[in-house]
N, C-alpha and C. Protein backbone atom coordinates (compact mmCIF):
# COMPACT_ATOMS: atom_id res chain seq x y z
N MET A 1 0.81 -1.29 -0.06
CA MET A 1 0.10 -0.07 -0.04
C MET A 1 0.81 1.27 0.07
N LYS A 2 0.55 2.14 -0.79
CA LYS A 2 1.37 3.37 -1.02
C LYS A 2 1.07 4.29 0.41
N LYS A 3 2.18 4.80 1.00
CA LYS A 3 2.06 5.70 2.04
C LYS A 3 1.83 7.08 1.53
N SER A 4 0.73 7.61 2.22
CA SER A 4 0.46 9.07 1.81
C SER A 4 1.36 10.09 2.58
N ILE A 5 1.58 11.17 1.94
CA ILE A 5 2.54 12.14 2.64
C ILE A 5 1.59 13.14 3.11
N THR A 6 2.00 13.67 4.29
CA THR A 6 1.33 14.62 5.00
C THR A 6 1.38 15.90 4.01
N ARG A 7 0.24 16.68 3.93
CA ARG A 7 0.11 17.90 3.24
C ARG A 7 -0.80 19.05 3.74
N ASP A 8 -0.52 20.15 3.69
CA ASP A 8 -1.36 21.28 4.20
C ASP A 8 -1.45 22.34 3.10
N ILE A 9 -2.24 22.37 2.24
CA ILE A 9 -2.16 23.46 1.11
C ILE A 9 -3.63 24.24 1.29
N GLU A 10 -3.28 25.63 1.00
CA GLU A 10 -4.36 26.55 0.82
C GLU A 10 -4.30 27.26 -0.47
N LYS A 11 -5.29 26.90 -1.30
CA LYS A 11 -5.34 27.39 -2.78
C LYS A 11 -6.51 28.31 -2.87
N ALA A 12 -5.99 29.41 -3.57
CA ALA A 12 -7.17 30.62 -3.93
C ALA A 12 -7.65 30.21 -5.16
N TYR A 13 -8.94 30.68 -5.31
CA TYR A 13 -9.68 30.47 -6.57
C TYR A 13 -10.34 31.87 -6.89
N THR A 14 -10.65 32.20 -8.14
CA THR A 14 -11.55 33.19 -8.51
C THR A 14 -12.97 32.94 -8.07
N LYS A 15 -13.69 33.81 -7.96
CA LYS A 15 -15.18 33.66 -7.51
C LYS A 15 -15.96 32.55 -8.50
N SER A 16 -15.67 32.79 -9.72
CA SER A 16 -16.22 31.86 -10.58
C SER A 16 -15.90 30.39 -10.56
N GLU A 17 -14.44 30.22 -10.35
CA GLU A 17 -13.91 28.79 -10.21
C GLU A 17 -14.48 28.35 -9.01
N PHE A 18 -14.48 29.15 -7.94
CA PHE A 18 -15.10 28.52 -6.60
C PHE A 18 -16.50 28.10 -6.66
N ILE A 19 -17.37 28.85 -7.45
CA ILE A 19 -18.76 28.61 -7.58
C ILE A 19 -18.82 27.31 -8.31
N LYS A 20 -18.08 27.14 -9.53
CA LYS A 20 -18.32 25.84 -10.18
C LYS A 20 -17.74 24.69 -9.39
N LYS A 21 -16.87 24.89 -8.49
CA LYS A 21 -16.36 23.59 -7.53
C LYS A 21 -17.50 23.42 -6.55
N LEU A 22 -18.15 24.47 -6.06
CA LEU A 22 -19.11 24.27 -5.10
C LEU A 22 -20.30 23.63 -5.57
N ARG A 23 -20.75 23.95 -6.84
CA ARG A 23 -21.83 23.44 -7.52
C ARG A 23 -21.65 21.95 -7.84
N ARG A 24 -20.59 21.70 -8.21
CA ARG A 24 -20.26 20.33 -8.44
C ARG A 24 -20.31 19.43 -7.30
N PHE A 25 -19.72 19.92 -6.19
CA PHE A 25 -19.72 19.18 -4.93
C PHE A 25 -21.38 19.07 -4.36
N ALA A 26 -22.07 20.00 -4.58
CA ALA A 26 -23.46 20.15 -4.06
C ALA A 26 -24.12 19.10 -4.92
N ASP A 27 -23.93 19.04 -6.29
CA ASP A 27 -24.54 18.01 -7.10
C ASP A 27 -24.26 16.61 -6.52
N ALA A 28 -23.02 16.46 -6.32
CA ALA A 28 -22.53 15.10 -5.84
C ALA A 28 -23.25 14.66 -4.49
N LEU A 29 -23.23 15.62 -3.78
CA LEU A 29 -23.87 15.61 -2.21
C LEU A 29 -25.31 15.16 -2.67
N GLU A 30 -25.96 15.81 -3.36
CA GLU A 30 -27.51 15.59 -3.58
C GLU A 30 -27.88 14.24 -4.22
N THR A 31 -26.72 13.77 -5.17
CA THR A 31 -27.04 12.53 -5.65
C THR A 31 -26.44 11.31 -5.00
N ASN A 32 -25.84 11.77 -3.97
CA ASN A 32 -25.13 10.44 -3.11
C ASN A 32 -23.98 9.82 -3.80
N ARG A 33 -23.15 10.65 -4.60
CA ARG A 33 -21.94 10.27 -5.30
C ARG A 33 -20.68 10.72 -4.82
N LYS A 34 -19.70 10.05 -4.91
CA LYS A 34 -18.22 10.59 -4.50
C LYS A 34 -17.95 11.84 -5.42
N PHE A 35 -17.12 12.66 -4.91
CA PHE A 35 -16.73 13.96 -5.35
C PHE A 35 -15.20 13.89 -5.75
N SER A 36 -14.77 14.22 -6.90
CA SER A 36 -13.40 14.39 -7.19
C SER A 36 -13.01 15.73 -7.57
N ILE A 37 -11.88 16.13 -7.05
CA ILE A 37 -11.35 17.50 -7.34
C ILE A 37 -9.78 17.48 -7.34
N GLN A 38 -9.27 18.28 -7.97
CA GLN A 38 -7.84 18.39 -8.24
C GLN A 38 -7.34 19.68 -7.57
N ILE A 39 -6.41 19.53 -6.54
CA ILE A 39 -5.86 20.66 -5.67
C ILE A 39 -4.49 20.72 -5.85
N ALA A 40 -3.83 21.75 -6.51
CA ALA A 40 -2.36 21.95 -6.45
C ALA A 40 -1.76 20.44 -7.19
N ASN A 41 -2.37 20.17 -8.21
CA ASN A 41 -1.88 19.04 -9.10
C ASN A 41 -1.93 17.87 -8.50
N GLU A 42 -2.97 17.66 -7.45
CA GLU A 42 -3.11 16.31 -6.94
C GLU A 42 -4.57 16.00 -7.18
N LYS A 43 -5.13 14.98 -7.58
CA LYS A 43 -6.53 14.46 -7.66
C LYS A 43 -6.98 13.95 -6.38
N ILE A 44 -8.02 14.46 -5.89
CA ILE A 44 -8.55 14.03 -4.45
C ILE A 44 -9.93 13.40 -4.81
N SER A 45 -10.15 12.10 -4.34
CA SER A 45 -11.52 11.63 -4.34
C SER A 45 -12.12 11.68 -2.93
N VAL A 46 -13.32 12.29 -2.88
CA VAL A 46 -13.94 12.37 -1.71
C VAL A 46 -15.18 11.51 -1.55
N PRO A 47 -15.10 10.48 -0.59
CA PRO A 47 -16.23 9.44 -0.57
C PRO A 47 -17.60 10.04 -0.29
N LYS A 48 -18.53 9.29 -0.78
CA LYS A 48 -19.80 9.97 -0.67
C LYS A 48 -20.38 9.82 0.79
N ASN A 49 -19.80 9.07 1.75
CA ASN A 49 -19.90 9.21 3.17
C ASN A 49 -19.15 10.20 4.05
N ALA A 50 -18.32 11.07 3.36
CA ALA A 50 -17.53 11.91 3.99
C ALA A 50 -18.28 12.89 5.03
N LEU A 51 -17.77 13.30 6.14
CA LEU A 51 -18.40 14.13 7.07
C LEU A 51 -18.25 15.35 6.69
N ILE A 52 -19.17 16.35 6.74
CA ILE A 52 -19.18 17.65 6.32
C ILE A 52 -19.52 18.57 7.51
N ASN A 53 -18.83 19.81 7.49
CA ASN A 53 -19.12 20.66 8.55
C ASN A 53 -18.69 22.13 8.20
N ILE A 54 -19.16 23.05 8.76
CA ILE A 54 -18.71 24.48 8.53
C ILE A 54 -18.24 25.07 9.90
N GLU A 55 -16.98 25.75 9.74
CA GLU A 55 -16.28 26.18 10.91
C GLU A 55 -16.29 27.75 10.73
N HIS A 56 -16.54 28.45 11.93
CA HIS A 56 -16.35 29.94 11.94
C HIS A 56 -15.37 30.32 12.95
N GLU A 57 -14.52 31.12 12.50
CA GLU A 57 -13.49 31.74 13.50
C GLU A 57 -13.52 33.07 13.51
N ARG A 58 -13.43 33.87 14.58
CA ARG A 58 -13.22 35.23 14.77
C ARG A 58 -12.16 35.60 15.46
N GLY A 59 -11.31 36.51 14.91
CA GLY A 59 -10.16 37.14 15.66
C GLY A 59 -10.43 38.72 15.68
N LYS A 60 -9.47 39.26 16.17
CA LYS A 60 -9.62 40.78 16.45
C LYS A 60 -9.61 41.54 15.02
N LYS A 61 -8.92 41.05 14.12
CA LYS A 61 -8.71 41.60 12.81
C LYS A 61 -9.41 41.01 11.57
N GLU A 62 -9.81 39.70 11.80
CA GLU A 62 -10.50 38.87 10.54
C GLU A 62 -11.39 37.96 11.08
N GLU A 63 -12.26 37.68 10.14
CA GLU A 63 -13.15 36.35 10.47
C GLU A 63 -13.03 35.50 9.25
N GLU A 64 -13.35 34.14 9.56
CA GLU A 64 -12.94 33.06 8.68
C GLU A 64 -14.23 32.03 8.72
N ILE A 65 -14.63 31.69 7.60
CA ILE A 65 -15.61 30.54 7.46
C ILE A 65 -14.85 29.38 6.57
N GLU A 66 -14.78 28.22 7.25
CA GLU A 66 -14.17 27.06 6.36
C GLU A 66 -15.28 26.09 6.20
N PHE A 67 -15.37 25.63 5.08
CA PHE A 67 -16.30 24.40 4.55
C PHE A 67 -15.32 23.17 4.59
N GLN A 68 -15.60 22.31 5.62
CA GLN A 68 -14.62 21.13 5.94
C GLN A 68 -15.30 19.93 5.47
N ILE A 69 -14.43 18.95 4.84
CA ILE A 69 -15.03 17.77 4.35
C ILE A 69 -13.91 16.67 4.80
N ARG A 70 -14.44 15.71 5.66
CA ARG A 70 -13.38 14.89 6.33
C ARG A 70 -13.81 13.49 6.04
N TRP A 71 -12.70 12.62 5.86
CA TRP A 71 -13.21 11.08 5.85
C TRP A 71 -11.98 10.47 6.31
N GLU A 72 -12.27 8.99 6.66
CA GLU A 72 -11.09 8.34 7.10
C GLU A 72 -10.55 7.47 5.91
N LEU A 73 -9.14 7.31 6.02
CA LEU A 73 -8.35 6.70 5.07
C LEU A 73 -8.45 5.19 5.10
């Protein structure tokens, strides 16, 4: 079995690119299908039973919302 390498990447997208990705993800969720996405030259397959949550962080100078998708390997 191939060992996976730890990775922590943050990738910025234009608004229209982000909307397309969200729309494809929402369609996969709605039809109970896995979702595939390429991030920084690596194709990621998200299983249909992945856990989904939304995180909100507030600091003194900025706020952040993260849409998180997690699954076990």
